[in-house]
Amino acid sequence: MSEVRPLPIFPPVWVEGRDALLREAKASLNLPFKILPSPAAAAGPARVLAFGAVPDFMCEFVYIRPENVDRLESVRGALEACLTAPSTHPGVVTEERWLSAVMGAEVRLVAIEPLVKEPTPAPSVRFY
């Protein structure tokens, strides 16, 4: 188990006892990697685990309701979704869902194509 994955946490204020709760939840999942909790930030490296507060920046996250932030079962389920679930999982709040809630209308993200296209290479010429 040498792989270490970042685990962005929101809000970034660390609550005493949360590390033990996360450690116990992670151990019960039996995943083949370690996690490294760190404060969440915009454009972070991974899906955010949100303890009782919705991130105030656009990101993909898994939300734990305030009344459940100290319950092992809730933290375990959220941690599992955060680390292993696809974006289509109902517990994962995608950037589209977050933006839709903020803007009050359905939002769809589309891929952005580069403004400058790479030049088409000239056909190779062969001299005999």
Protein backbone atom coordinates (compact mmCIF):
# COMPACT_ATOMS: atom_id res chain seq x y z
CA MET A 1 0.00 0.00 0.00
CA SER A 2 2.40 2.68 -1.17
CA GLU A 3 0.00 4.85 -3.15
CA VAL A 4 -1.17 7.97 -1.30
CA ARG A 5 -4.22 9.89 -2.50
CA PRO A 6 -5.09 13.42 -1.43
CA LEU A 7 -8.35 13.91 0.45
CA PRO A 8 -9.41 17.56 0.38
CA ILE A 9 -11.54 18.42 3.42
CA PHE A 10 -14.05 21.28 3.66
CA PRO A 11 -14.34 23.38 5.73
CA PRO A 12 -10.60 23.60 6.18
CA VAL A 13 -10.90 24.03 9.96
CA TRP A 14 -9.86 20.75 11.57
CA VAL A 15 -12.12 19.49 14.36
CA GLU A 16 -10.56 17.47 17.17
CA GLY A 17 -11.33 13.78 16.86
CA ARG A 18 -12.05 13.93 13.14
CA ASP A 19 -8.72 12.30 12.28
CA ALA A 20 -9.59 9.25 14.40
CA LEU A 21 -13.03 9.07 12.79
CA LEU A 22 -11.53 9.28 9.29
CA ARG A 23 -8.89 6.69 10.17
CA GLU A 24 -11.53 4.25 11.43
CA ALA A 25 -13.78 4.85 8.41
CA LYS A 26 -10.86 4.38 6.01
CA ALA A 27 -9.76 1.16 7.76
CA SER A 28 -13.26 -0.30 7.42
CA LEU A 29 -13.22 0.30 3.65
CA ASN A 30 -10.17 -1.89 3.05
CA LEU A 31 -8.91 0.21 0.14
CA PRO A 32 -5.47 -0.47 -1.38
CA PHE A 33 -4.15 3.07 -0.84
CA LYS A 34 -3.52 5.59 1.91
CA ILE A 35 -5.25 8.96 2.16
CA LEU A 36 -3.75 12.31 3.03
CA PRO A 37 -6.36 14.74 4.41
CA SER A 38 -5.67 18.37 3.58
CA PRO A 39 -7.64 21.63 3.39
CA ALA A 40 -9.81 21.85 0.28
CA ALA A 41 -9.20 24.64 -2.20
CA ALA A 42 -10.57 25.64 -5.58
CA ALA A 43 -9.09 23.59 -8.43
CA GLY A 44 -7.80 21.04 -5.95
CA PRO A 45 -6.39 17.65 -6.88
CA ALA A 46 -9.36 15.46 -5.93
CA ARG A 47 -13.02 15.25 -4.97
CA VAL A 48 -13.75 17.13 -1.73
CA LEU A 49 -15.20 15.57 1.43
CA ALA A 50 -17.49 18.25 2.89
CA PHE A 51 -18.22 18.01 6.62
CA GLY A 52 -21.50 19.84 7.29
CA ALA A 53 -20.89 22.76 4.92
CA VAL A 54 -21.13 23.15 1.17
CA PRO A 55 -17.88 24.37 -0.39
CA ASP A 56 -18.00 28.04 -1.41
CA PHE A 57 -16.11 27.34 -4.62
CA MET A 58 -16.90 25.17 -7.61
CA CYS A 59 -15.76 21.59 -7.14
CA GLU A 60 -16.98 18.03 -7.12
CA PHE A 61 -17.75 16.97 -3.55
CA VAL A 62 -19.52 14.55 -1.24
CA TYR A 63 -21.56 16.24 1.48
CA ILE A 64 -22.05 15.00 5.04
CA ARG A 65 -25.02 16.68 6.73
CA PRO A 66 -24.16 18.66 9.90
CA GLU A 67 -26.04 16.26 12.17
CA ASN A 68 -24.02 13.32 10.79
CA VAL A 69 -20.45 14.63 10.81
CA ASP A 70 -19.62 12.64 13.96
CA ARG A 71 -21.35 9.40 12.93
CA LEU A 72 -18.98 6.69 11.72
CA GLU A 73 -21.55 5.19 9.31
CA SER A 74 -22.11 8.55 7.60
CA VAL A 75 -18.42 9.38 7.37
CA ARG A 76 -17.66 5.88 6.07
CA GLY A 77 -20.32 6.10 3.35
CA ALA A 78 -19.26 9.59 2.33
CA LEU A 79 -15.58 8.63 2.32
CA GLU A 80 -16.29 5.61 0.15
CA ALA A 81 -18.27 7.74 -2.33
CA CYS A 82 -15.58 10.41 -2.27
CA LEU A 83 -12.75 7.98 -3.01
CA THR A 84 -14.34 5.37 -5.26
CA ALA A 85 -17.74 6.36 -6.67
CA PRO A 86 -18.22 7.60 -10.23
CA SER A 87 -19.51 11.14 -10.79
CA THR A 88 -22.94 9.69 -11.56
CA HIS A 89 -23.30 8.38 -7.98
CA PRO A 90 -26.24 10.11 -6.24
CA GLY A 91 -24.06 11.13 -3.28
CA VAL A 92 -21.58 13.00 -5.46
CA VAL A 93 -22.33 16.67 -6.12
CA THR A 94 -20.79 17.45 -9.48
CA GLU A 95 -19.66 20.86 -10.65
CA GLU A 96 -22.75 21.00 -12.87
CA ARG A 97 -25.09 20.32 -9.93
CA TRP A 98 -23.25 22.88 -7.78
CA LEU A 99 -23.47 25.55 -10.48
CA SER A 100 -27.12 24.73 -11.15
CA ALA A 101 -27.92 25.25 -7.46
CA VAL A 102 -25.98 28.52 -7.31
CA MET A 103 -27.47 29.93 -10.51
CA GLY A 104 -30.99 28.60 -10.00
CA ALA A 105 -31.11 27.06 -13.48
CA GLU A 106 -29.86 23.92 -15.14
CA VAL A 107 -26.22 24.17 -16.12
CA ARG A 108 -24.31 21.83 -18.40
CA LEU A 109 -20.57 21.91 -18.69
CA VAL A 110 -19.14 21.45 -22.15
CA ALA A 111 -15.62 20.70 -23.25
CA ILE A 112 -13.61 23.71 -24.25
CA GLU A 113 -11.70 23.41 -27.49
CA PRO A 114 -8.42 25.24 -27.80
CA LEU A 115 -8.75 28.65 -29.44
CA VAL A 116 -5.68 28.06 -31.53
CA LYS A 117 -5.69 24.85 -33.45
CA GLU A 118 -2.49 23.01 -34.09
CA PRO A 119 -1.43 23.38 -37.72
CA THR A 120 -2.08 20.38 -39.86
CA PRO A 121 1.24 18.77 -40.67
CA ALA A 122 2.25 18.91 -44.28
CA PRO A 123 2.08 15.60 -46.06
CA SER A 124 5.38 13.86 -46.00
CA VAL A 125 7.33 14.13 -49.19
CA ARG A 126 9.59 11.43 -50.34
CA PHE A 127 12.38 12.08 -52.80
CA TYR A 128 13.82 9.27 -54.87
